[in-house]
Amino acid sequence: MYNTLSDFYTSKEWEKFRELLIFERLGVDGTLYCEHCNKPITKKYDCIGHHKTELTIENVNDKSVSLNPLNVMLVHHKCHNVIH
């Protein structure tokens, strides 16, 4: 059980989930493309997992929200700021 969003985003569960999404979403050329701007994400630290349904303390422990691949976009850090 996560008491804060920070606890969730620093958890091994989120890290493993994020890595799996990255692997599954690699293009045929082996490149990960931003799901917002469609440009390549070339640096690992620049890849942000954006929850379409905003993650809150009320829903962070609901895996159908927090760990649902249909609810997470992989985007550049800059694109994540634009989305928000």
PDB file of N, CA and C in Angstrom:
ATOM      1  N   MET A   1       0.847  -1.181   0.000  1.00  0.00           N
ATOM      2  CA  MET A   1       0.000   0.000   0.000  1.00  0.00           C
ATOM      3  C   MET A   1       0.892   1.244   0.000  1.00  0.00           C
ATOM      4  N   TYR A   2       0.546   2.189  -0.858  1.00  0.00           N
ATOM      5  CA  TYR A   2       1.321   3.430  -0.974  1.00  0.00           C
ATOM      6  C   TYR A   2       0.605   4.550  -0.235  1.00  0.00           C
ATOM      7  N   ASN A   3       1.354   5.272   0.593  1.00  0.00           N
ATOM      8  CA  ASN A   3       0.792   6.373   1.358  1.00  0.00           C
ATOM      9  C   ASN A   3       0.947   7.709   0.655  1.00  0.00           C
ATOM     10  N   THR A   4       1.889   7.778  -0.300  1.00  0.00           N
ATOM     11  CA  THR A   4       2.107   9.008  -1.057  1.00  0.00           C
ATOM     12  C   THR A   4       2.362   8.653  -2.523  1.00  0.00           C
ATOM     13  N   LEU A   5       2.200   9.626  -3.397  1.00  0.00           N
ATOM     14  CA  LEU A   5       2.516   9.409  -4.806  1.00  0.00           C
ATOM     15  C   LEU A   5       4.006   9.182  -4.979  1.00  0.00           C
ATOM     16  N   SER A   6       4.801   9.845  -4.185  1.00  0.00           N
ATOM     17  CA  SER A   6       6.250   9.667  -4.239  1.00  0.00           C
ATOM     18  C   SER A   6       6.632   8.230  -3.914  1.00  0.00           C
ATOM     19  N   ASP A   7       5.966   7.635  -2.926  1.00  0.00           N
ATOM     20  CA  ASP A   7       6.220   6.223  -2.591  1.00  0.00           C
ATOM     21  C   ASP A   7       5.963   5.333  -3.804  1.00  0.00           C
ATOM     22  N   PHE A   8       4.892   5.620  -4.525  1.00  0.00           N
ATOM     23  CA  PHE A   8       4.554   4.821  -5.703  1.00  0.00           C
ATOM     24  C   PHE A   8       5.602   5.012  -6.800  1.00  0.00           C
ATOM     25  N   TYR A   9       5.910   6.269  -7.132  1.00  0.00           N
ATOM     26  CA  TYR A   9       6.810   6.541  -8.255  1.00  0.00           C
ATOM     27  C   TYR A   9       8.259   6.129  -7.992  1.00  0.00           C
ATOM     28  N   THR A  10       8.604   5.859  -6.744  1.00  0.00           N
ATOM     29  CA  THR A  10       9.951   5.377  -6.439  1.00  0.00           C
ATOM     30  C   THR A  10       9.959   3.872  -6.138  1.00  0.00           C
ATOM     31  N   SER A  11       8.819   3.223  -6.328  1.00  0.00           N
ATOM     32  CA  SER A  11       8.712   1.793  -6.009  1.00  0.00           C
ATOM     33  C   SER A  11       9.291   0.926  -7.123  1.00  0.00           C
ATOM     34  N   LYS A  12       9.731  -0.261  -6.737  1.00  0.00           N
ATOM     35  CA  LYS A  12      10.208  -1.243  -7.716  1.00  0.00           C
ATOM     36  C   LYS A  12       9.061  -1.674  -8.631  1.00  0.00           C
ATOM     37  N   GLU A  13       7.855  -1.709  -8.106  1.00  0.00           N
ATOM     38  CA  GLU A  13       6.681  -2.104  -8.897  1.00  0.00           C
ATOM     39  C   GLU A  13       6.492  -1.140 -10.087  1.00  0.00           C
ATOM     40  N   TRP A  14       6.561   0.174  -9.836  1.00  0.00           N
ATOM     41  CA  TRP A  14       6.434   1.160 -10.907  1.00  0.00           C
ATOM     42  C   TRP A  14       7.624   1.075 -11.868  1.00  0.00           C
ATOM     43  N   GLU A  15       8.829   0.939 -11.329  1.00  0.00           N
ATOM     44  CA  GLU A  15      10.020   0.861 -12.178  1.00  0.00           C
ATOM     45  C   GLU A  15       9.935  -0.326 -13.127  1.00  0.00           C
ATOM     46  N   LYS A  16       9.525  -1.494 -12.633  1.00  0.00           N
ATOM     47  CA  LYS A  16       9.402  -2.690 -13.477  1.00  0.00           C
ATOM     48  C   LYS A  16       8.300  -2.514 -14.518  1.00  0.00           C
ATOM     49  N   PHE A  17       7.178  -1.949 -14.103  1.00  0.00           N
ATOM     50  CA  PHE A  17       6.054  -1.706 -15.003  1.00  0.00           C
ATOM     51  C   PHE A  17       6.473  -0.755 -16.119  1.00  0.00           C
ATOM     52  N   ARG A  18       7.156   0.324 -15.762  1.00  0.00           N
ATOM     53  CA  ARG A  18       7.618   1.317 -16.734  1.00  0.00           C
ATOM     54  C   ARG A  18       8.591   0.694 -17.728  1.00  0.00           C
ATOM     55  N   GLU A  19       9.534  -0.089 -17.245  1.00  0.00           N
ATOM     56  CA  GLU A  19      10.502  -0.754 -18.114  1.00  0.00           C
ATOM     57  C   GLU A  19       9.799  -1.723 -19.081  1.00  0.00           C
ATOM     58  N   LEU A  20       8.794  -2.437 -18.603  1.00  0.00           N
ATOM     59  CA  LEU A  20       8.037  -3.346 -19.460  1.00  0.00           C
ATOM     60  C   LEU A  20       7.301  -2.563 -20.549  1.00  0.00           C
ATOM     61  N   LEU A  21       6.687  -1.435 -20.170  1.00  0.00           N
ATOM     62  CA  LEU A  21       6.010  -0.602 -21.172  1.00  0.00           C
ATOM     63  C   LEU A  21       6.985  -0.121 -22.236  1.00  0.00           C
ATOM     64  N   ILE A  22       8.155   0.322 -21.807  1.00  0.00           N
ATOM     65  CA  ILE A  22       9.162   0.796 -22.757  1.00  0.00           C
ATOM     66  C   ILE A  22       9.519  -0.322 -23.730  1.00  0.00           C
ATOM     67  N   PHE A  23       9.779  -1.507 -23.217  1.00  0.00           N
ATOM     68  CA  PHE A  23      10.137  -2.645 -24.058  1.00  0.00           C
ATOM     69  C   PHE A  23       9.014  -2.978 -25.042  1.00  0.00           C
ATOM     70  N   GLU A  24       7.789  -3.009 -24.545  1.00  0.00           N
ATOM     71  CA  GLU A  24       6.648  -3.372 -25.383  1.00  0.00           C
ATOM     72  C   GLU A  24       6.347  -2.325 -26.454  1.00  0.00           C
ATOM     73  N   ARG A  25       6.723  -1.081 -26.207  1.00  0.00           N
ATOM     74  CA  ARG A  25       6.357   0.001 -27.127  1.00  0.00           C
ATOM     75  C   ARG A  25       7.491   0.460 -28.043  1.00  0.00           C
ATOM     76  N   LEU A  26       8.574  -0.266 -28.032  1.00  0.00           N
ATOM     77  CA  LEU A  26       9.649   0.062 -28.969  1.00  0.00           C
ATOM     78  C   LEU A  26       9.142  -0.106 -30.397  1.00  0.00           C
ATOM     79  N   GLY A  27       9.544   0.825 -31.268  1.00  0.00           N
ATOM     80  CA  GLY A  27       9.179   0.717 -32.669  1.00  0.00           C
ATOM     81  C   GLY A  27       9.908  -0.437 -33.328  1.00  0.00           C
ATOM     82  N   VAL A  28       9.530  -0.769 -34.561  1.00  0.00           N
ATOM     83  CA  VAL A  28      10.176  -1.864 -35.284  1.00  0.00           C
ATOM     84  C   VAL A  28      11.664  -1.594 -35.485  1.00  0.00           C
ATOM     85  N   ASP A  29      12.040  -0.313 -35.433  1.00  0.00           N
ATOM     86  CA  ASP A  29      13.452   0.059 -35.576  1.00  0.00           C
ATOM     87  C   ASP A  29      14.191   0.058 -34.240  1.00  0.00           C
ATOM     88  N   GLY A  30      13.503  -0.360 -33.147  1.00  0.00           N
ATOM     89  CA  GLY A  30      14.133  -0.412 -31.833  1.00  0.00           C
ATOM     90  C   GLY A  30      14.143   0.913 -31.097  1.00  0.00           C
ATOM     91  N   THR A  31      13.437   1.899 -31.639  1.00  0.00           N
ATOM     92  CA  THR A  31      13.387   3.232 -31.044  1.00  0.00           C
ATOM     93  C   THR A  31      12.067   3.418 -30.306  1.00  0.00           C
ATOM     94  N   LEU A  32      12.128   4.108 -29.174  1.00  0.00           N
ATOM     95  CA  LEU A  32      10.914   4.468 -28.443  1.00  0.00           C
ATOM     96  C   LEU A  32      10.480   5.845 -28.921  1.00  0.00           C
ATOM     97  N   TYR A  33       9.222   5.967 -29.293  1.00  0.00           N
ATOM     98  CA  TYR A  33       8.687   7.237 -29.769  1.00  0.00           C
ATOM     99  C   TYR A  33       7.727   7.829 -28.743  1.00  0.00           C
ATOM    100  N   CYS A  34       7.826   9.125 -28.547  1.00  0.00           N
ATOM    101  CA  CYS A  34       6.944   9.854 -27.643  1.00  0.00           C
ATOM    102  C   CYS A  34       5.505   9.712 -28.129  1.00  0.00           C
ATOM    103  N   GLU A  35       4.615   9.380 -27.227  1.00  0.00           N
ATOM    104  CA  GLU A  35       3.212   9.197 -27.580  1.00  0.00           C
ATOM    105  C   GLU A  35       2.451  10.518 -27.627  1.00  0.00           C
ATOM    106  N   HIS A  36       3.167  11.621 -27.458  1.00  0.00           N
ATOM    107  CA  HIS A  36       2.553  12.941 -27.581  1.00  0.00           C
ATOM    108  C   HIS A  36       2.997  13.617 -28.880  1.00  0.00           C
ATOM    109  N   CYS A  37       4.306  13.666 -29.126  1.00  0.00           N
ATOM    110  CA  CYS A  37       4.828  14.378 -30.303  1.00  0.00           C
ATOM    111  C   CYS A  37       5.328  13.434 -31.398  1.00  0.00           C
ATOM    112  N   ASN A  38       5.419  12.153 -31.103  1.00  0.00           N
ATOM    113  CA  ASN A  38       5.874  11.119 -32.044  1.00  0.00           C
ATOM    114  C   ASN A  38       7.341  11.227 -32.449  1.00  0.00           C
ATOM    115  N   LYS A  39       8.124  11.993 -31.720  1.00  0.00           N
ATOM    116  CA  LYS A  39       9.564  12.070 -31.980  1.00  0.00           C
ATOM    117  C   LYS A  39      10.274  11.051 -31.088  1.00  0.00           C
ATOM    118  N   PRO A  40      11.452  10.604 -31.486  1.00  0.00           N
ATOM    119  CA  PRO A  40      12.186   9.608 -30.683  1.00  0.00           C
ATOM    120  C   PRO A  40      12.529  10.124 -29.288  1.00  0.00           C
ATOM    121  N   ILE A  41      12.446   9.228 -28.325  1.00  0.00           N
ATOM    122  CA  ILE A  41      12.941   9.499 -26.978  1.00  0.00           C
ATOM    123  C   ILE A  41      14.307   8.821 -26.925  1.00  0.00           C
ATOM    124  N   THR A  42      15.358   9.620 -26.918  1.00  0.00           N
ATOM    125  CA  THR A  42      16.704   9.064 -27.060  1.00  0.00           C
ATOM    126  C   THR A  42      17.429   8.864 -25.735  1.00  0.00           C
ATOM    127  N   LYS A  43      16.978   9.527 -24.693  1.00  0.00           N
ATOM    128  CA  LYS A  43      17.637   9.398 -23.393  1.00  0.00           C
ATOM    129  C   LYS A  43      16.662   8.797 -22.389  1.00  0.00           C
ATOM    130  N   LYS A  44      17.116   7.784 -21.671  1.00  0.00           N
ATOM    131  CA  LYS A  44      16.254   7.074 -20.729  1.00  0.00           C
ATOM    132  C   LYS A  44      15.620   8.030 -19.714  1.00  0.00           C
ATOM    133  N   TYR A  45      16.401   8.984 -19.214  1.00  0.00           N
ATOM    134  CA  TYR A  45      15.882   9.903 -18.193  1.00  0.00           C
ATOM    135  C   TYR A  45      14.819  10.845 -18.766  1.00  0.00           C
ATOM    136  N   ASP A  46      14.718  10.933 -20.090  1.00  0.00           N
ATOM    137  CA  ASP A  46      13.756  11.832 -20.726  1.00  0.00           C
ATOM    138  C   ASP A  46      12.407  11.161 -20.949  1.00  0.00           C
ATOM    139  N   CYS A  47      12.260   9.899 -20.560  1.00  0.00           N
ATOM    140  CA  CYS A  47      11.019   9.160 -20.769  1.00  0.00           C
ATOM    141  C   CYS A  47      10.172   9.196 -19.491  1.00  0.00           C
ATOM    142  N   ILE A  48       9.005   9.824 -19.595  1.00  0.00           N
ATOM    143  CA  ILE A  48       8.100   9.963 -18.451  1.00  0.00           C
ATOM    144  C   ILE A  48       6.860   9.116 -18.703  1.00  0.00           C
ATOM    145  N   GLY A  49       6.437   8.385 -17.697  1.00  0.00           N
ATOM    146  CA  GLY A  49       5.176   7.652 -17.760  1.00  0.00           C
ATOM    147  C   GLY A  49       4.059   8.568 -17.295  1.00  0.00           C
ATOM    148  N   HIS A  50       3.248   9.031 -18.248  1.00  0.00           N
ATOM    149  CA  HIS A  50       2.154   9.960 -17.942  1.00  0.00           C
ATOM    150  C   HIS A  50       0.845   9.201 -17.780  1.00  0.00           C
ATOM    151  N   HIS A  51       0.211   9.358 -16.629  1.00  0.00           N
ATOM    152  CA  HIS A  51      -1.097   8.752 -16.382  1.00  0.00           C
ATOM    153  C   HIS A  51      -2.177   9.631 -17.012  1.00  0.00           C
ATOM    154  N   LYS A  52      -2.960   9.059 -17.927  1.00  0.00           N
ATOM    155  CA  LYS A  52      -4.053   9.801 -18.570  1.00  0.00           C
ATOM    156  C   LYS A  52      -5.105  10.186 -17.526  1.00  0.00           C
ATOM    157  N   THR A  53      -5.463   9.225 -16.682  1.00  0.00           N
ATOM    158  CA  THR A  53      -6.290   9.539 -15.512  1.00  0.00           C
ATOM    159  C   THR A  53      -5.309   9.896 -14.417  1.00  0.00           C
ATOM    160  N   GLU A  54      -5.352  11.140 -13.987  1.00  0.00           N
ATOM    161  CA  GLU A  54      -4.358  11.636 -13.031  1.00  0.00           C
ATOM    162  C   GLU A  54      -4.278  10.749 -11.803  1.00  0.00           C
ATOM    163  N   LEU A  55      -3.058  10.445 -11.423  1.00  0.00           N
ATOM    164  CA  LEU A  55      -2.838   9.646 -10.223  1.00  0.00           C
ATOM    165  C   LEU A  55      -2.983  10.537  -9.001  1.00  0.00           C
ATOM    166  N   THR A  56      -3.772  10.083  -8.051  1.00  0.00           N
ATOM    167  CA  THR A  56      -4.001  10.820  -6.809  1.00  0.00           C
ATOM    168  C   THR A  56      -3.795   9.870  -5.631  1.00  0.00           C
ATOM    169  N   ILE A  57      -3.729  10.423  -4.463  1.00  0.00           N
ATOM    170  CA  ILE A  57      -3.591   9.592  -3.267  1.00  0.00           C
ATOM    171  C   ILE A  57      -4.814   8.671  -3.111  1.00  0.00           C
ATOM    172  N   GLU A  58      -5.960   9.096  -3.668  1.00  0.00           N
ATOM    173  CA  GLU A  58      -7.174   8.288  -3.571  1.00  0.00           C
ATOM    174  C   GLU A  58      -7.142   7.080  -4.512  1.00  0.00           C
ATOM    175  N   ASN A  59      -6.432   7.171  -5.650  1.00  0.00           N
ATOM    176  CA  ASN A  59      -6.471   6.058  -6.607  1.00  0.00           C
ATOM    177  C   ASN A  59      -5.116   5.379  -6.829  1.00  0.00           C
ATOM    178  N   VAL A  60      -4.071   5.834  -6.151  1.00  0.00           N
ATOM    179  CA  VAL A  60      -2.740   5.282  -6.382  1.00  0.00           C
ATOM    180  C   VAL A  60      -2.652   3.786  -6.072  1.00  0.00           C
ATOM    181  N   ASN A  61      -3.469   3.306  -5.174  1.00  0.00           N
ATOM    182  CA  ASN A  61      -3.440   1.885  -4.816  1.00  0.00           C
ATOM    183  C   ASN A  61      -4.404   1.044  -5.646  1.00  0.00           C
ATOM    184  N   ASP A  62      -5.111   1.678  -6.570  1.00  0.00           N
ATOM    185  CA  ASP A  62      -5.999   0.974  -7.496  1.00  0.00           C
ATOM    186  C   ASP A  62      -5.185   0.650  -8.748  1.00  0.00           C
ATOM    187  N   LYS A  63      -4.788  -0.597  -8.870  1.00  0.00           N
ATOM    188  CA  LYS A  63      -3.904  -0.992  -9.971  1.00  0.00           C
ATOM    189  C   LYS A  63      -4.562  -0.844 -11.336  1.00  0.00           C
ATOM    190  N   SER A  64      -5.875  -0.801 -11.384  1.00  0.00           N
ATOM    191  CA  SER A  64      -6.551  -0.591 -12.661  1.00  0.00           C
ATOM    192  C   SER A  64      -6.353   0.848 -13.144  1.00  0.00           C
ATOM    193  N   VAL A  65      -5.856   1.702 -12.268  1.00  0.00           N
ATOM    194  CA  VAL A  65      -5.510   3.082 -12.625  1.00  0.00           C
ATOM    195  C   VAL A  65      -3.993   3.235 -12.681  1.00  0.00           C
ATOM    196  N   SER A  66      -3.320   2.898 -11.583  1.00  0.00           N
ATOM    197  CA  SER A  66      -1.884   3.183 -11.465  1.00  0.00           C
ATOM    198  C   SER A  66      -1.001   2.302 -12.338  1.00  0.00           C
ATOM    199  N   LEU A  67      -1.398   1.052 -12.557  1.00  0.00           N
ATOM    200  CA  LEU A  67      -0.564   0.119 -13.324  1.00  0.00           C
ATOM    201  C   LEU A  67      -1.306  -0.438 -14.544  1.00  0.00           C
ATOM    202  N   ASN A  68      -2.180   0.369 -15.093  1.00  0.00           N
ATOM    203  CA  ASN A  68      -2.937  -0.024 -16.275  1.00  0.00           C
ATOM    204  C   ASN A  68      -2.213   0.506 -17.509  1.00  0.00           C
ATOM    205  N   PRO A  69      -1.696  -0.368 -18.371  1.00  0.00           N
ATOM    206  CA  PRO A  69      -0.957   0.102 -19.543  1.00  0.00           C
ATOM    207  C   PRO A  69      -1.786   0.991 -20.461  1.00  0.00           C
ATOM    208  N   LEU A  70      -3.105   0.833 -20.440  1.00  0.00           N
ATOM    209  CA  LEU A  70      -3.961   1.683 -21.270  1.00  0.00           C
ATOM    210  C   LEU A  70      -4.091   3.091 -20.697  1.00  0.00           C
ATOM    211  N   ASN A  71      -3.677   3.266 -19.454  1.00  0.00           N
ATOM    212  CA  ASN A  71      -3.765   4.565 -18.782  1.00  0.00           C
ATOM    213  C   ASN A  71      -2.435   5.304 -18.755  1.00  0.00           C
ATOM    214  N   VAL A  72      -1.382   4.716 -19.312  1.00  0.00           N
ATOM    215  CA  VAL A  72      -0.052   5.337 -19.229  1.00  0.00           C
ATOM    216  C   VAL A  72       0.514   5.576 -20.620  1.00  0.00           C
ATOM    217  N   MET A  73       0.879   6.825 -20.869  1.00  0.00           N
ATOM    218  CA  MET A  73       1.562   7.209 -22.103  1.00  0.00           C
ATOM    219  C   MET A  73       3.036   7.399 -21.779  1.00  0.00           C
ATOM    220  N   LEU A  74       3.905   7.037 -22.713  1.00  0.00           N
ATOM    221  CA  LEU A  74       5.334   7.297 -22.554  1.00  0.00           C
ATOM    222  C   LEU A  74       5.665   8.533 -23.383  1.00  0.00           C
ATOM    223  N   VAL A  75       6.122   9.573 -22.697  1.00  0.00           N
ATOM    224  CA  VAL A  75       6.332  10.870 -23.340  1.00  0.00           C
ATOM    225  C   VAL A  75       7.650  11.492 -22.897  1.00  0.00           C
ATOM    226  N   HIS A  76       8.133  12.446 -23.698  1.00  0.00           N
ATOM    227  CA  HIS A  76       9.292  13.242 -23.292  1.00  0.00           C
ATOM    228  C   HIS A  76       8.944  14.047 -22.038  1.00  0.00           C
ATOM    229  N   HIS A  77       9.944  14.386 -21.264  1.00  0.00           N
ATOM    230  CA  HIS A  77       9.746  15.245 -20.094  1.00  0.00           C
ATOM    231  C   HIS A  77       9.103  16.562 -20.516  1.00  0.00           C
ATOM    232  N   LYS A  78       9.617  17.150 -21.602  1.00  0.00           N
ATOM    233  CA  LYS A  78       9.090  18.423 -22.104  1.00  0.00           C
ATOM    234  C   LYS A  78       7.620  18.274 -22.520  1.00  0.00           C
ATOM    235  N   CYS A  79       7.289  17.177 -23.183  1.00  0.00           N
ATOM    236  CA  CYS A  79       5.901  16.938 -23.591  1.00  0.00           C
ATOM    237  C   CYS A  79       4.998  16.746 -22.374  1.00  0.00           C
ATOM    238  N   HIS A  80       5.530  16.108 -21.348  1.00  0.00           N
ATOM    239  CA  HIS A  80       4.753  15.918 -20.108  1.00  0.00           C
ATOM    240  C   HIS A  80       4.399  17.271 -19.509  1.00  0.00           C
ATOM    241  N   ASN A  81       5.352  18.197 -19.535  1.00  0.00           N
ATOM    242  CA  ASN A  81       5.071  19.545 -19.033  1.00  0.00           C
ATOM    243  C   ASN A  81       4.013  20.241 -19.876  1.00  0.00           C
ATOM    244  N   VAL A  82       4.048  20.028 -21.190  1.00  0.00           N
ATOM    245  CA  VAL A  82       3.039  20.618 -22.083  1.00  0.00           C
ATOM    246  C   VAL A  82       1.654  20.039 -21.775  1.00  0.00           C
ATOM    247  N   ILE A  83       1.586  18.737 -21.569  1.00  0.00           N
ATOM    248  CA  ILE A  83       0.306  18.077 -21.261  1.00  0.00           C
ATOM    249  C   ILE A  83      -0.298  18.667 -19.984  1.00  0.00           C
ATOM    250  N   HIS A  84       0.556  18.931 -18.999  1.00  0.00           N
ATOM    251  CA  HIS A  84       0.066  19.491 -17.737  1.00  0.00           C
ATOM    252  C   HIS A  84       0.059  20.992 -17.813  1.00  0.00           C
TER     253      HIS A  84
END
